[in-house]
N, C-alpha and C. Protein backbone atom coordinates (compact mmCIF):
# COMPACT_ATOMS: atom_id res chain seq x y z
N MET A 1 105.16 -25.98 -30.25
CA MET A 1 106.22 -26.01 -31.22
C MET A 1 106.19 -27.37 -31.94
N PRO A 2 106.10 -27.36 -33.25
CA PRO A 2 105.99 -28.62 -34.02
C PRO A 2 107.34 -29.29 -34.25
N LYS A 3 107.91 -29.88 -33.20
CA LYS A 3 109.25 -30.47 -33.29
C LYS A 3 109.31 -31.61 -34.30
N LYS A 4 108.25 -32.40 -34.39
CA LYS A 4 108.26 -33.52 -35.33
C LYS A 4 108.34 -33.02 -36.77
N LEU A 5 107.59 -31.99 -37.10
CA LEU A 5 107.63 -31.42 -38.45
C LEU A 5 108.99 -30.80 -38.74
N ILE A 6 109.57 -30.15 -37.76
CA ILE A 6 110.91 -29.55 -37.92
C ILE A 6 111.94 -30.65 -38.19
N ARG A 7 111.87 -31.74 -37.42
CA ARG A 7 112.81 -32.86 -37.62
C ARG A 7 112.65 -33.49 -38.99
N GLU A 8 111.39 -33.63 -39.48
CA GLU A 8 111.15 -34.23 -40.79
C GLU A 8 111.71 -33.36 -41.91
N ILE A 9 111.52 -32.05 -41.83
CA ILE A 9 112.05 -31.14 -42.85
C ILE A 9 113.57 -31.17 -42.82
N ALA A 10 114.16 -31.13 -41.63
CA ALA A 10 115.62 -31.16 -41.50
C ALA A 10 116.19 -32.48 -42.02
N ALA A 11 115.50 -33.58 -41.80
CA ALA A 11 115.97 -34.89 -42.28
C ALA A 11 115.98 -34.94 -43.80
N SER A 12 115.03 -34.26 -44.45
CA SER A 12 115.02 -34.25 -45.92
C SER A 12 116.21 -33.49 -46.49
N TYR A 13 116.84 -32.64 -45.68
CA TYR A 13 118.05 -31.91 -46.09
C TYR A 13 119.32 -32.60 -45.57
N GLY A 14 119.16 -33.70 -44.85
CA GLY A 14 120.30 -34.47 -44.37
C GLY A 14 120.77 -34.13 -42.97
N TYR A 15 119.99 -33.38 -42.20
CA TYR A 15 120.36 -33.01 -40.83
C TYR A 15 119.67 -33.94 -39.84
N GLN A 16 120.41 -34.38 -38.81
CA GLN A 16 119.86 -35.21 -37.76
C GLN A 16 120.36 -34.69 -36.42
N ARG A 17 119.78 -35.21 -35.35
CA ARG A 17 120.16 -34.85 -33.98
C ARG A 17 120.06 -33.35 -33.71
N LEU A 18 118.88 -32.81 -33.90
CA LEU A 18 118.64 -31.39 -33.63
C LEU A 18 118.51 -31.16 -32.14
N ARG A 19 118.90 -29.98 -31.70
CA ARG A 19 118.71 -29.58 -30.31
C ARG A 19 118.61 -28.07 -30.25
N LYS A 20 118.27 -27.56 -29.08
CA LYS A 20 118.09 -26.12 -28.84
C LYS A 20 117.12 -25.49 -29.84
N TYR A 21 115.90 -25.96 -29.82
CA TYR A 21 114.85 -25.42 -30.69
C TYR A 21 114.45 -24.03 -30.22
N ARG A 22 114.24 -23.12 -31.18
CA ARG A 22 113.76 -21.77 -30.86
C ARG A 22 112.73 -21.36 -31.90
N GLN A 23 111.76 -20.57 -31.48
CA GLN A 23 110.75 -20.06 -32.40
C GLN A 23 111.03 -18.60 -32.67
N TRP A 24 111.15 -18.25 -33.96
CA TRP A 24 111.40 -16.85 -34.35
C TRP A 24 110.09 -16.10 -34.55
N ASP A 25 109.19 -16.69 -35.30
CA ASP A 25 107.84 -16.12 -35.49
C ASP A 25 106.90 -17.29 -35.77
N SER A 26 105.76 -17.03 -36.38
CA SER A 26 104.77 -18.09 -36.52
C SER A 26 105.19 -19.20 -37.48
N VAL A 27 106.11 -18.95 -38.41
CA VAL A 27 106.51 -19.98 -39.38
C VAL A 27 108.00 -20.32 -39.36
N HIS A 28 108.83 -19.54 -38.70
CA HIS A 28 110.28 -19.77 -38.69
C HIS A 28 110.73 -20.32 -37.34
N PHE A 29 111.47 -21.42 -37.41
CA PHE A 29 112.02 -22.06 -36.21
C PHE A 29 113.49 -22.32 -36.45
N SER A 30 114.29 -22.29 -35.39
CA SER A 30 115.71 -22.59 -35.52
C SER A 30 116.06 -23.74 -34.60
N ALA A 31 117.14 -24.42 -34.96
CA ALA A 31 117.65 -25.52 -34.16
C ALA A 31 119.15 -25.59 -34.37
N GLU A 32 119.83 -26.23 -33.44
CA GLU A 32 121.28 -26.37 -33.55
C GLU A 32 121.63 -27.80 -33.92
N VAL A 33 122.55 -27.95 -34.88
CA VAL A 33 123.02 -29.25 -35.33
C VAL A 33 124.54 -29.21 -35.34
N ASN A 34 125.18 -29.92 -34.42
CA ASN A 34 126.65 -29.97 -34.36
C ASN A 34 127.29 -28.59 -34.40
N GLY A 35 126.74 -27.64 -33.68
CA GLY A 35 127.30 -26.29 -33.62
C GLY A 35 126.85 -25.38 -34.74
N ILE A 36 126.09 -25.89 -35.70
CA ILE A 36 125.58 -25.08 -36.81
C ILE A 36 124.12 -24.77 -36.54
N VAL A 37 123.73 -23.52 -36.70
CA VAL A 37 122.34 -23.13 -36.48
C VAL A 37 121.62 -23.16 -37.83
N ILE A 38 120.50 -23.89 -37.87
CA ILE A 38 119.68 -23.93 -39.08
C ILE A 38 118.34 -23.28 -38.77
N VAL A 39 117.78 -22.62 -39.76
CA VAL A 39 116.48 -21.97 -39.65
C VAL A 39 115.54 -22.64 -40.65
N ILE A 40 114.36 -23.03 -40.19
CA ILE A 40 113.42 -23.76 -41.02
C ILE A 40 112.12 -22.98 -41.12
N ASN A 41 111.64 -22.83 -42.36
CA ASN A 41 110.32 -22.26 -42.62
C ASN A 41 109.37 -23.43 -42.75
N ILE A 42 108.49 -23.64 -41.76
CA ILE A 42 107.63 -24.82 -41.78
C ILE A 42 106.49 -24.70 -42.79
N LYS A 43 106.18 -23.49 -43.22
CA LYS A 43 105.11 -23.32 -44.19
C LYS A 43 105.56 -23.72 -45.60
N SER A 44 106.76 -23.28 -46.01
CA SER A 44 107.25 -23.58 -47.35
C SER A 44 108.20 -24.77 -47.37
N GLY A 45 108.69 -25.21 -46.20
CA GLY A 45 109.61 -26.34 -46.14
C GLY A 45 111.05 -25.98 -46.50
N GLU A 46 111.38 -24.70 -46.51
CA GLU A 46 112.74 -24.27 -46.85
C GLU A 46 113.63 -24.33 -45.62
N LEU A 47 114.93 -24.56 -45.85
CA LEU A 47 115.89 -24.62 -44.77
C LEU A 47 117.05 -23.68 -45.09
N TYR A 48 117.46 -22.93 -44.09
CA TYR A 48 118.57 -21.99 -44.22
C TYR A 48 119.62 -22.33 -43.17
N GLU A 49 120.88 -22.17 -43.53
CA GLU A 49 121.98 -22.38 -42.59
C GLU A 49 122.56 -21.02 -42.25
N ARG A 50 122.77 -20.76 -40.96
CA ARG A 50 123.29 -19.47 -40.53
C ARG A 50 124.80 -19.46 -40.66
N ASN A 51 125.33 -18.46 -41.36
CA ASN A 51 126.76 -18.28 -41.49
C ASN A 51 127.23 -17.43 -40.31
N PRO A 52 128.04 -17.98 -39.39
CA PRO A 52 128.42 -17.23 -38.19
C PRO A 52 129.37 -16.06 -38.47
N PHE A 53 130.04 -16.08 -39.62
CA PHE A 53 131.00 -15.03 -39.92
C PHE A 53 130.34 -13.79 -40.50
N THR A 54 129.35 -13.98 -41.36
CA THR A 54 128.67 -12.84 -41.97
C THR A 54 127.32 -12.54 -41.34
N LYS A 55 126.88 -13.41 -40.42
CA LYS A 55 125.59 -13.25 -39.73
C LYS A 55 124.42 -13.25 -40.72
N ARG A 56 124.56 -14.04 -41.80
CA ARG A 56 123.49 -14.13 -42.80
C ARG A 56 123.02 -15.57 -42.94
N LEU A 57 121.85 -15.72 -43.52
CA LEU A 57 121.29 -17.04 -43.75
C LEU A 57 121.59 -17.47 -45.19
N VAL A 58 121.99 -18.72 -45.35
CA VAL A 58 122.31 -19.26 -46.65
C VAL A 58 121.29 -20.36 -46.94
N LYS A 59 120.57 -20.24 -48.07
CA LYS A 59 119.55 -21.22 -48.41
C LYS A 59 120.21 -22.51 -48.87
N LYS A 60 119.69 -23.64 -48.38
CA LYS A 60 120.23 -24.95 -48.71
C LYS A 60 119.34 -25.64 -49.72
N GLN A 61 119.97 -26.48 -50.56
CA GLN A 61 119.24 -27.29 -51.53
C GLN A 61 118.88 -28.62 -50.89
N GLU A 62 117.70 -29.14 -51.21
CA GLU A 62 117.25 -30.39 -50.64
C GLU A 62 118.02 -31.56 -51.25
N GLU A 63 118.42 -32.53 -50.40
CA GLU A 63 119.14 -33.70 -50.90
C GLU A 63 118.17 -34.64 -51.58
N ASN A 64 118.65 -35.31 -52.61
CA ASN A 64 117.80 -36.26 -53.34
C ASN A 64 118.03 -37.67 -52.91
């Protein structure tokens, strides 16, 4: 599991202190940040935040 790459992508979106890493498939990984679950596509560098109420993923914009 490429934890360093996951942390770097999450840091570019402003997330730090990841824990509970999980692998969904070959390119999608999830981690927990302060009770929020984020899903990262390591191939495209996209990050999604899981909405616990609708059970859907919301795409996040990268911070500048």
